[in-house]
Structure formats: structure tokens, C-alpha cells
Amino acid sequence: MWMKRANRYFPYIEKRLKERDMPGDLKYVVIVESALKTYAFSGAGAAGPWQFMEKTAKRYRLRVDDWIDERLNFERATEAALDYFGDLYQQFGSWTVAVAAYNCGEDRMNRDINGQKINNFYDLNLPLETERYIFRGLAAKIILSAPELYGYNVPEKSLYPPGT
């Protein structure tokens, strides 16, 4: 399913990342967050492909109310996620730390960096989910870059057509 959905959604993400001069590998975060499911929901209250919590979604101008939840709108949520990544990078000065903060939150990341006096993701003691987060994205990249090496052979006709 990753490959089918990636064929549909990655072109949009790649285009927007390139236009913003952001690392292309940020697209793999959406695989880790939701496996590219537009209507993904977590037990903690996160929603959408980028798994925004309501408070963060509203901070990034996504409408979340009784009638509309823009966290579920792929394009709007992607724009908000890229804005958030940009802000996290500005704050932490490292894309790796920014991605990790996307998972655990910038407040937690600030506390850990200040408390441990370390600002390198690979040396920080972070929540276990966050420590695994970067590597889950790398695993998705490796698999999606050469799926046939890992036994995945999805015929071209089975891929979802590009577009949102």
C-alpha cells in the first residue's frame, strides 16, 4: 500500500519540498506518521496523513471544528506540515532534530536538549518512539527506493494515479 499511495501523493510532496528548498527525504515522515492514509486517526487525538494534534493544526491555520477537519485534507495538511518543519528547523538548526521534534513536540525537544546539554539527535536520550522515528523513515526510504530488492513487486497498473 505504501507504494500505491506514494505514487499518488509523493509527486505533490516532492514538488512542494523542492519549491521550498527543503530536503526531499522529509516526504518519508508521512509514511511513518500514517502510511499515507488520509483518514488516519491516533488514540492520542492526532489525525490526517501528517498526524496533527488539534492544537498544532490550529497553530498552522488548519480548520478543526465540528464541521470541518482540515487535518484530513491532504494538500492543506501537507502545507501545514512543511510550515511546521520549517519552523522546527529554524528553531533547532538541524533537520534530524527538527524531524524528531515533529514526533515528540518542540517543548519536549527543548527540555531534553537543555537538560542533557546535547543538541545532536544521535546523542540525545529521547522517548523510545522518537529514537526509532528517524530510523523508521530511513527504512521506508530504503524499501520504497528499491522495493523489488525486498520482495515487493507492485505492477504499474496497480499503482494509484498521481494527484490528490
N, C-alpha and C. Protein backbone atom coordinates (compact mmCIF):
# COMPACT_ATOMS: atom_id res chain seq x y z
N MET A 1 0.83 -1.20 0.00
CA MET A 1 0.00 0.00 0.00
C MET A 1 0.87 1.26 0.00
N TRP A 2 2.03 1.20 0.66
CA TRP A 2 2.91 2.37 0.63
C TRP A 2 3.22 2.77 -0.81
N MET A 3 3.57 1.77 -1.61
CA MET A 3 3.95 2.06 -3.00
C MET A 3 2.78 2.61 -3.79
N LYS A 4 1.61 2.03 -3.60
CA LYS A 4 0.43 2.51 -4.32
C LYS A 4 0.12 3.95 -3.95
N ARG A 5 0.12 4.23 -2.64
CA ARG A 5 -0.20 5.59 -2.18
C ARG A 5 0.91 6.57 -2.52
N ALA A 6 2.18 6.13 -2.40
CA ALA A 6 3.30 7.02 -2.70
C ALA A 6 3.24 7.49 -4.15
N ASN A 7 2.82 6.63 -5.04
CA ASN A 7 2.70 7.02 -6.45
C ASN A 7 1.69 8.16 -6.61
N ARG A 8 0.67 8.17 -5.78
CA ARG A 8 -0.34 9.22 -5.85
C ARG A 8 0.13 10.50 -5.17
N TYR A 9 0.70 10.39 -3.97
CA TYR A 9 0.93 11.58 -3.15
C TYR A 9 2.35 12.14 -3.19
N PHE A 10 3.36 11.30 -3.43
CA PHE A 10 4.73 11.80 -3.39
C PHE A 10 5.00 12.90 -4.43
N PRO A 11 4.46 12.83 -5.65
CA PRO A 11 4.76 13.92 -6.59
C PRO A 11 4.39 15.31 -6.04
N TYR A 12 3.26 15.40 -5.36
CA TYR A 12 2.85 16.68 -4.78
C TYR A 12 3.83 17.10 -3.68
N ILE A 13 4.16 16.18 -2.79
CA ILE A 13 5.07 16.50 -1.68
C ILE A 13 6.43 16.88 -2.23
N GLU A 14 6.94 16.10 -3.18
CA GLU A 14 8.26 16.38 -3.76
C GLU A 14 8.31 17.77 -4.40
N LYS A 15 7.27 18.11 -5.12
CA LYS A 15 7.19 19.43 -5.77
C LYS A 15 7.23 20.54 -4.72
N ARG A 16 6.43 20.40 -3.68
CA ARG A 16 6.37 21.44 -2.65
C ARG A 16 7.69 21.53 -1.87
N LEU A 17 8.32 20.39 -1.59
CA LEU A 17 9.61 20.41 -0.90
C LEU A 17 10.66 21.12 -1.75
N LYS A 18 10.68 20.81 -3.03
CA LYS A 18 11.64 21.44 -3.93
C LYS A 18 11.41 22.94 -4.01
N GLU A 19 10.14 23.35 -4.13
CA GLU A 19 9.82 24.78 -4.19
C GLU A 19 10.25 25.51 -2.92
N ARG A 20 10.25 24.82 -1.81
CA ARG A 20 10.62 25.43 -0.53
C ARG A 20 12.10 25.22 -0.20
N ASP A 21 12.82 24.53 -1.07
CA ASP A 21 14.24 24.22 -0.85
C ASP A 21 14.43 23.45 0.47
N MET A 22 13.60 22.45 0.65
CA MET A 22 13.65 21.60 1.84
C MET A 22 14.12 20.20 1.41
N PRO A 23 14.70 19.43 2.33
CA PRO A 23 15.18 18.09 1.97
C PRO A 23 14.05 17.19 1.47
N GLY A 24 14.30 16.51 0.37
CA GLY A 24 13.32 15.62 -0.21
C GLY A 24 12.94 14.45 0.69
N ASP A 25 13.85 14.07 1.57
CA ASP A 25 13.58 12.93 2.45
C ASP A 25 12.50 13.22 3.49
N LEU A 26 12.11 14.46 3.64
CA LEU A 26 11.01 14.76 4.57
C LEU A 26 9.72 14.07 4.15
N LYS A 27 9.62 13.70 2.89
CA LYS A 27 8.40 13.02 2.42
C LYS A 27 8.18 11.69 3.13
N TYR A 28 9.23 11.08 3.64
CA TYR A 28 9.08 9.78 4.29
C TYR A 28 8.43 9.88 5.67
N VAL A 29 8.40 11.08 6.22
CA VAL A 29 7.73 11.28 7.52
C VAL A 29 6.25 10.90 7.42
N VAL A 30 5.62 11.23 6.30
CA VAL A 30 4.20 10.93 6.15
C VAL A 30 3.96 9.41 6.10
N ILE A 31 4.94 8.65 5.66
CA ILE A 31 4.83 7.19 5.70
C ILE A 31 4.87 6.72 7.15
N VAL A 32 5.81 7.26 7.91
CA VAL A 32 5.94 6.89 9.32
C VAL A 32 4.69 7.30 10.10
N GLU A 33 4.19 8.48 9.81
CA GLU A 33 3.04 9.01 10.55
C GLU A 33 1.74 8.25 10.26
N SER A 34 1.47 7.97 8.98
CA SER A 34 0.14 7.46 8.65
C SER A 34 0.11 6.40 7.55
N ALA A 35 1.27 6.00 7.04
CA ALA A 35 1.33 5.12 5.87
C ALA A 35 0.57 5.76 4.70
N LEU A 36 0.56 7.07 4.66
CA LEU A 36 -0.12 7.87 3.63
C LEU A 36 -1.63 7.66 3.61
N LYS A 37 -2.19 7.35 4.75
CA LYS A 37 -3.65 7.25 4.85
C LYS A 37 -4.20 8.63 5.17
N THR A 38 -5.04 9.14 4.33
CA THR A 38 -5.59 10.47 4.53
C THR A 38 -6.46 10.52 5.78
N TYR A 39 -7.21 9.45 6.04
CA TYR A 39 -8.13 9.43 7.18
C TYR A 39 -7.57 8.59 8.32
N ALA A 40 -6.32 8.86 8.69
CA ALA A 40 -5.69 8.16 9.80
C ALA A 40 -5.97 8.91 11.10
N PHE A 41 -6.25 8.16 12.15
CA PHE A 41 -6.51 8.73 13.48
C PHE A 41 -5.71 7.96 14.51
N SER A 42 -5.13 8.69 15.46
CA SER A 42 -4.39 8.03 16.54
C SER A 42 -5.22 8.06 17.82
N GLY A 43 -4.87 7.19 18.72
CA GLY A 43 -5.54 7.16 20.02
C GLY A 43 -5.30 8.43 20.83
N ALA A 44 -4.21 9.14 20.51
CA ALA A 44 -3.87 10.37 21.23
C ALA A 44 -4.61 11.58 20.68
N GLY A 45 -5.33 11.41 19.56
CA GLY A 45 -6.10 12.52 19.01
C GLY A 45 -5.51 13.14 17.76
N ALA A 46 -4.39 12.62 17.28
CA ALA A 46 -3.82 13.13 16.03
C ALA A 46 -4.65 12.61 14.86
N ALA A 47 -4.65 13.39 13.77
CA ALA A 47 -5.46 12.99 12.62
C ALA A 47 -4.79 13.41 11.33
N GLY A 48 -5.16 12.70 10.27
CA GLY A 48 -4.72 13.03 8.93
C GLY A 48 -3.42 12.36 8.56
N PRO A 49 -3.00 12.58 7.32
CA PRO A 49 -1.78 11.93 6.84
C PRO A 49 -0.53 12.36 7.61
N TRP A 50 -0.52 13.60 8.09
CA TRP A 50 0.65 14.11 8.82
C TRP A 50 0.45 14.03 10.33
N GLN A 51 -0.68 13.50 10.77
CA GLN A 51 -0.97 13.24 12.18
C GLN A 51 -0.81 14.47 13.07
N PHE A 52 -1.54 15.51 12.73
CA PHE A 52 -1.54 16.73 13.53
C PHE A 52 -2.45 16.58 14.75
N MET A 53 -1.96 17.02 15.88
CA MET A 53 -2.82 17.20 17.05
C MET A 53 -3.62 18.48 16.79
N GLU A 54 -4.78 18.58 17.40
CA GLU A 54 -5.67 19.71 17.12
C GLU A 54 -5.00 21.06 17.40
N LYS A 55 -4.33 21.17 18.52
CA LYS A 55 -3.70 22.45 18.90
C LYS A 55 -2.65 22.87 17.86
N THR A 56 -1.82 21.95 17.45
CA THR A 56 -0.79 22.26 16.45
C THR A 56 -1.43 22.57 15.10
N ALA A 57 -2.45 21.81 14.75
CA ALA A 57 -3.16 22.06 13.48
C ALA A 57 -3.68 23.49 13.44
N LYS A 58 -4.32 23.91 14.50
CA LYS A 58 -4.86 25.27 14.53
C LYS A 58 -3.75 26.32 14.49
N ARG A 59 -2.62 26.03 15.12
CA ARG A 59 -1.49 26.95 15.09
C ARG A 59 -0.98 27.14 13.66
N TYR A 60 -1.14 26.11 12.85
CA TYR A 60 -0.71 26.17 11.46
C TYR A 60 -1.88 26.37 10.50
N ARG A 61 -2.89 27.05 11.00
CA ARG A 61 -4.01 27.55 10.21
C ARG A 61 -4.85 26.45 9.54
N LEU A 62 -4.94 25.31 10.19
CA LEU A 62 -5.85 24.27 9.72
C LEU A 62 -7.15 24.39 10.51
N ARG A 63 -8.24 24.36 9.84
CA ARG A 63 -9.54 24.44 10.50
C ARG A 63 -9.89 23.07 11.09
N VAL A 64 -10.20 23.08 12.38
CA VAL A 64 -10.63 21.87 13.08
C VAL A 64 -11.81 22.27 13.95
N ASP A 65 -13.01 21.83 13.54
CA ASP A 65 -14.20 22.12 14.32
C ASP A 65 -15.22 21.01 14.09
N ASP A 66 -16.45 21.22 14.51
CA ASP A 66 -17.48 20.19 14.38
C ASP A 66 -17.86 19.89 12.93
N TRP A 67 -17.54 20.78 12.00
CA TRP A 67 -17.96 20.62 10.62
C TRP A 67 -16.82 20.25 9.69
N ILE A 68 -15.67 20.82 9.95
CA ILE A 68 -14.53 20.61 9.04
C ILE A 68 -13.28 20.27 9.84
N ASP A 69 -12.53 19.30 9.33
CA ASP A 69 -11.23 18.96 9.91
C ASP A 69 -10.22 18.93 8.78
N GLU A 70 -9.51 20.06 8.62
CA GLU A 70 -8.56 20.17 7.51
C GLU A 70 -7.31 19.34 7.70
N ARG A 71 -7.15 18.72 8.85
CA ARG A 71 -6.03 17.79 9.02
C ARG A 71 -6.18 16.63 8.05
N LEU A 72 -7.43 16.36 7.60
CA LEU A 72 -7.71 15.25 6.70
C LEU A 72 -7.60 15.65 5.23
N ASN A 73 -7.38 16.93 4.97
CA ASN A 73 -7.21 17.43 3.60
C ASN A 73 -5.73 17.33 3.26
N PHE A 74 -5.40 16.46 2.31
CA PHE A 74 -4.00 16.17 2.04
C PHE A 74 -3.18 17.41 1.71
N GLU A 75 -3.66 18.26 0.82
CA GLU A 75 -2.88 19.43 0.42
C GLU A 75 -2.73 20.43 1.56
N ARG A 76 -3.81 20.72 2.24
CA ARG A 76 -3.75 21.69 3.35
C ARG A 76 -2.85 21.16 4.47
N ALA A 77 -3.01 19.88 4.80
CA ALA A 77 -2.19 19.29 5.86
C ALA A 77 -0.72 19.24 5.47
N THR A 78 -0.45 18.98 4.19
CA THR A 78 0.95 18.96 3.73
C THR A 78 1.56 20.33 3.85
N GLU A 79 0.84 21.36 3.44
CA GLU A 79 1.37 22.73 3.56
C GLU A 79 1.65 23.07 5.02
N ALA A 80 0.73 22.69 5.91
CA ALA A 80 0.93 22.96 7.34
C ALA A 80 2.13 22.18 7.87
N ALA A 81 2.28 20.93 7.45
CA ALA A 81 3.41 20.11 7.91
C ALA A 81 4.73 20.73 7.45
N LEU A 82 4.77 21.19 6.21
CA LEU A 82 6.00 21.80 5.71
C LEU A 82 6.30 23.12 6.41
N ASP A 83 5.27 23.88 6.73
CA ASP A 83 5.47 25.09 7.53
C ASP A 83 6.04 24.73 8.90
N TYR A 84 5.48 23.70 9.50
CA TYR A 84 5.93 23.25 10.82
C TYR A 84 7.38 22.78 10.76
N PHE A 85 7.72 21.97 9.74
CA PHE A 85 9.12 21.54 9.60
C PHE A 85 10.05 22.74 9.46
N GLY A 86 9.64 23.72 8.68
CA GLY A 86 10.46 24.92 8.51
C GLY A 86 10.69 25.63 9.83
N ASP A 87 9.64 25.76 10.63
CA ASP A 87 9.77 26.40 11.93
C ASP A 87 10.66 25.58 12.87
N LEU A 88 10.51 24.27 12.83
CA LEU A 88 11.34 23.41 13.68
C LEU A 88 12.81 23.49 13.27
N TYR A 89 13.06 23.54 11.98
CA TYR A 89 14.44 23.67 11.51
C TYR A 89 15.03 25.01 11.95
N GLN A 90 14.25 26.07 11.83
CA GLN A 90 14.70 27.39 12.29
C GLN A 90 15.03 27.36 13.78
N GLN A 91 14.21 26.67 14.54
CA GLN A 91 14.40 26.61 15.98
C GLN A 91 15.61 25.77 16.39
N PHE A 92 15.80 24.62 15.74
CA PHE A 92 16.82 23.68 16.18
C PHE A 92 18.07 23.64 15.31
N GLY A 93 18.01 24.18 14.08
CA GLY A 93 19.19 24.24 13.23
C GLY A 93 19.65 22.90 12.67
N SER A 94 18.82 21.89 12.76
CA SER A 94 19.17 20.55 12.28
C SER A 94 17.90 19.89 11.76
N TRP A 95 17.98 19.33 10.56
CA TRP A 95 16.80 18.65 10.02
C TRP A 95 16.49 17.39 10.81
N THR A 96 17.50 16.70 11.28
CA THR A 96 17.27 15.48 12.06
C THR A 96 16.56 15.80 13.37
N VAL A 97 17.03 16.82 14.05
CA VAL A 97 16.38 17.23 15.30
C VAL A 97 14.98 17.77 15.01
N ALA A 98 14.83 18.49 13.91
CA ALA A 98 13.50 19.01 13.54
C ALA A 98 12.52 17.87 13.32
N VAL A 99 12.93 16.83 12.61
CA VAL A 99 12.04 15.68 12.38
C VAL A 99 11.73 14.98 13.69
N ALA A 100 12.72 14.82 14.54
CA ALA A 100 12.47 14.19 15.84
C ALA A 100 11.50 15.04 16.68
N ALA A 101 11.66 16.36 16.61
CA ALA A 101 10.75 17.26 17.35
C ALA A 101 9.35 17.20 16.77
N TYR A 102 9.23 16.95 15.49
CA TYR A 102 7.91 16.78 14.88
C TYR A 102 7.18 15.64 15.58
N ASN A 103 7.93 14.62 15.97
CA ASN A 103 7.33 13.47 16.63
C ASN A 103 7.02 13.74 18.10
N CYS A 104 7.98 14.25 18.84
CA CYS A 104 7.78 14.38 20.29
C CYS A 104 7.33 15.77 20.72
N GLY A 105 7.39 16.74 19.81
CA GLY A 105 7.00 18.10 20.12
C GLY A 105 8.20 18.97 20.45
N GLU A 106 8.09 20.23 20.08
CA GLU A 106 9.24 21.12 20.30
C GLU A 106 9.49 21.42 21.77
N ASP A 107 8.44 21.40 22.60
CA ASP A 107 8.66 21.64 24.03
C ASP A 107 9.48 20.51 24.65
N ARG A 108 9.13 19.28 24.32
CA ARG A 108 9.87 18.13 24.83
C ARG A 108 11.31 18.16 24.32
N MET A 109 11.48 18.47 23.05
CA MET A 109 12.83 18.52 22.48
C MET A 109 13.66 19.60 23.16
N ASN A 110 13.08 20.77 23.39
CA ASN A 110 13.81 21.83 24.10
C ASN A 110 14.22 21.39 25.49
N ARG A 111 13.29 20.76 26.22
CA ARG A 111 13.61 20.27 27.57
C ARG A 111 14.77 19.27 27.54
N ASP A 112 14.73 18.35 26.58
CA ASP A 112 15.77 17.33 26.51
C ASP A 112 17.12 17.93 26.10
N ILE A 113 17.11 18.83 25.14
CA ILE A 113 18.36 19.47 24.72
C ILE A 113 18.95 20.29 25.87
N ASN A 114 18.11 21.10 26.52
CA ASN A 114 18.61 21.93 27.63
C ASN A 114 19.02 21.10 28.83
N GLY A 115 18.25 20.07 29.14
CA GLY A 115 18.57 19.23 30.30
C GLY A 115 19.80 18.36 30.10
N GLN A 116 19.98 17.88 28.88
CA GLN A 116 21.11 16.99 28.61
C GLN A 116 22.33 17.73 28.07
N LYS A 117 22.14 19.00 27.75
CA LYS A 117 23.23 19.83 27.20
C LYS A 117 23.81 19.20 25.93
N ILE A 118 22.93 18.62 25.12
CA ILE A 118 23.30 17.98 23.86
C ILE A 118 22.29 18.44 22.81
N ASN A 119 22.77 18.75 21.61
CA ASN A 119 21.81 19.14 20.57
C ASN A 119 21.94 18.28 19.31
N ASN A 120 22.54 17.11 19.45
CA ASN A 120 22.70 16.17 18.35
C ASN A 120 21.71 15.02 18.54
N PHE A 121 20.82 14.82 17.58
CA PHE A 121 19.81 13.78 17.70
C PHE A 121 20.40 12.44 18.12
N TYR A 122 21.52 12.06 17.53
CA TYR A 122 22.10 10.73 17.75
C TYR A 122 22.68 10.55 19.14
N ASP A 123 22.90 11.63 19.86
CA ASP A 123 23.43 11.55 21.22
C ASP A 123 22.38 11.82 22.29
N LEU A 124 21.24 12.33 21.90
CA LEU A 124 20.18 12.65 22.86
C LEU A 124 19.48 11.39 23.36
N ASN A 125 19.10 11.43 24.62
CA ASN A 125 18.25 10.39 25.20
C ASN A 125 16.82 10.89 25.07
N LEU A 126 16.08 10.31 24.13
CA LEU A 126 14.72 10.77 23.81
C LEU A 126 13.74 9.64 24.10
N PRO A 127 12.45 9.95 24.06
CA PRO A 127 11.47 8.86 24.20
C PRO A 127 11.74 7.78 23.15
N LEU A 128 11.51 6.54 23.50
CA LEU A 128 11.83 5.43 22.61
C LEU A 128 11.18 5.57 21.23
N GLU A 129 9.93 6.00 21.18
CA GLU A 129 9.27 6.19 19.89
C GLU A 129 10.02 7.20 19.04
N THR A 130 10.50 8.27 19.66
CA THR A 130 11.22 9.31 18.92
C THR A 130 12.60 8.81 18.50
N GLU A 131 13.25 8.03 19.34
CA GLU A 131 14.55 7.48 18.97
C GLU A 131 14.42 6.58 17.74
N ARG A 132 13.32 5.88 17.61
CA ARG A 132 13.09 4.98 16.48
C ARG A 132 12.58 5.72 15.24
N TYR A 133 12.03 6.89 15.44
CA TYR A 133 11.30 7.63 14.41
C TYR A 133 12.12 7.87 13.15
N ILE A 134 13.31 8.43 13.31
CA ILE A 134 14.19 8.73 12.17
C ILE A 134 14.50 7.45 11.41
N PHE A 135 14.77 6.38 12.14
CA PHE A 135 15.15 5.13 11.51
C PHE A 135 13.98 4.45 10.81
N ARG A 136 12.78 4.67 11.29
CA ARG A 136 11.60 4.17 10.59
C ARG A 136 11.46 4.89 9.24
N GLY A 137 11.73 6.18 9.22
CA GLY A 137 11.71 6.93 7.97
C GLY A 137 12.79 6.46 7.01
N LEU A 138 13.96 6.18 7.54
CA LEU A 138 15.04 5.66 6.70
C LEU A 138 14.68 4.29 6.12
N ALA A 139 14.06 3.46 6.93
CA ALA A 139 13.63 2.14 6.45
C ALA A 139 12.61 2.29 5.33
N ALA A 140 11.67 3.22 5.49
CA ALA A 140 10.68 3.46 4.43
C ALA A 140 11.38 3.92 3.16
N LYS A 141 12.37 4.79 3.29
CA LYS A 141 13.10 5.27 2.12
C LYS A 141 13.81 4.12 1.42
N ILE A 142 14.48 3.28 2.18
CA ILE A 142 15.21 2.16 1.59
C ILE A 142 14.25 1.23 0.84
N ILE A 143 13.15 0.89 1.47
CA ILE A 143 12.18 -0.02 0.84
C ILE A 143 11.56 0.61 -0.40
N LEU A 144 11.12 1.85 -0.29
CA LEU A 144 10.45 2.49 -1.43
C LEU A 144 11.42 2.83 -2.57
N SER A 145 12.70 2.95 -2.27
CA SER A 145 13.68 3.25 -3.31
C SER A 145 14.01 2.04 -4.17
N ALA A 146 13.86 0.84 -3.62
CA ALA A 146 14.15 -0.39 -4.38
C ALA A 146 13.27 -1.52 -3.86
N PRO A 147 11.96 -1.40 -4.02
CA PRO A 147 11.04 -2.37 -3.43
C PRO A 147 11.26 -3.81 -3.88
N GLU A 148 11.69 -3.98 -5.12
CA GLU A 148 11.90 -5.33 -5.64
C GLU A 148 13.00 -6.08 -4.88
N LEU A 149 13.96 -5.36 -4.34
CA LEU A 149 15.01 -6.00 -3.54
C LEU A 149 14.48 -6.62 -2.26
N TYR A 150 13.31 -6.16 -1.84
CA TYR A 150 12.72 -6.63 -0.59
C TYR A 150 11.46 -7.47 -0.83
N GLY A 151 11.31 -7.91 -2.07
CA GLY A 151 10.20 -8.80 -2.41
C GLY A 151 8.89 -8.13 -2.75
N TYR A 152 8.91 -6.83 -2.96
CA TYR A 152 7.68 -6.11 -3.30
C TYR A 152 7.67 -5.83 -4.81
N ASN A 153 6.72 -6.40 -5.48
CA ASN A 153 6.59 -6.22 -6.91
C ASN A 153 5.15 -5.82 -7.21
N VAL A 154 4.92 -4.52 -7.22
CA VAL A 154 3.59 -4.00 -7.49
C VAL A 154 3.55 -3.57 -8.95
N PRO A 155 2.70 -4.21 -9.74
CA PRO A 155 2.62 -3.82 -11.16
C PRO A 155 2.22 -2.36 -11.32
N GLU A 156 2.78 -1.72 -12.32
CA GLU A 156 2.49 -0.30 -12.60
C GLU A 156 0.99 -0.02 -12.65
N LYS A 157 0.23 -0.92 -13.25
CA LYS A 157 -1.21 -0.72 -13.39
C LYS A 157 -1.93 -0.74 -12.04
N SER A 158 -1.26 -1.26 -10.99
CA SER A 158 -1.88 -1.33 -9.66
C SER A 158 -1.60 -0.08 -8.82
N LEU A 159 -0.67 0.76 -9.28
CA LEU A 159 -0.34 1.97 -8.53
C LEU A 159 -1.46 2.98 -8.66
N TYR A 160 -1.71 3.72 -7.60
CA TYR A 160 -2.73 4.77 -7.66
C TYR A 160 -2.20 5.91 -8.53
N PRO A 161 -3.03 6.45 -9.40
CA PRO A 161 -2.55 7.53 -10.28
C PRO A 161 -2.17 8.78 -9.48
N PRO A 162 -1.17 9.51 -9.95
CA PRO A 162 -0.78 10.75 -9.26
C PRO A 162 -1.95 11.72 -9.17
N GLY A 163 -1.90 12.53 -8.14
CA GLY A 163 -2.95 13.52 -7.89
C GLY A 163 -3.47 13.36 -6.49
N THR A 164 -4.21 14.31 -6.03
CA THR A 164 -4.74 14.22 -4.68
C THR A 164 -6.19 14.27 -4.75
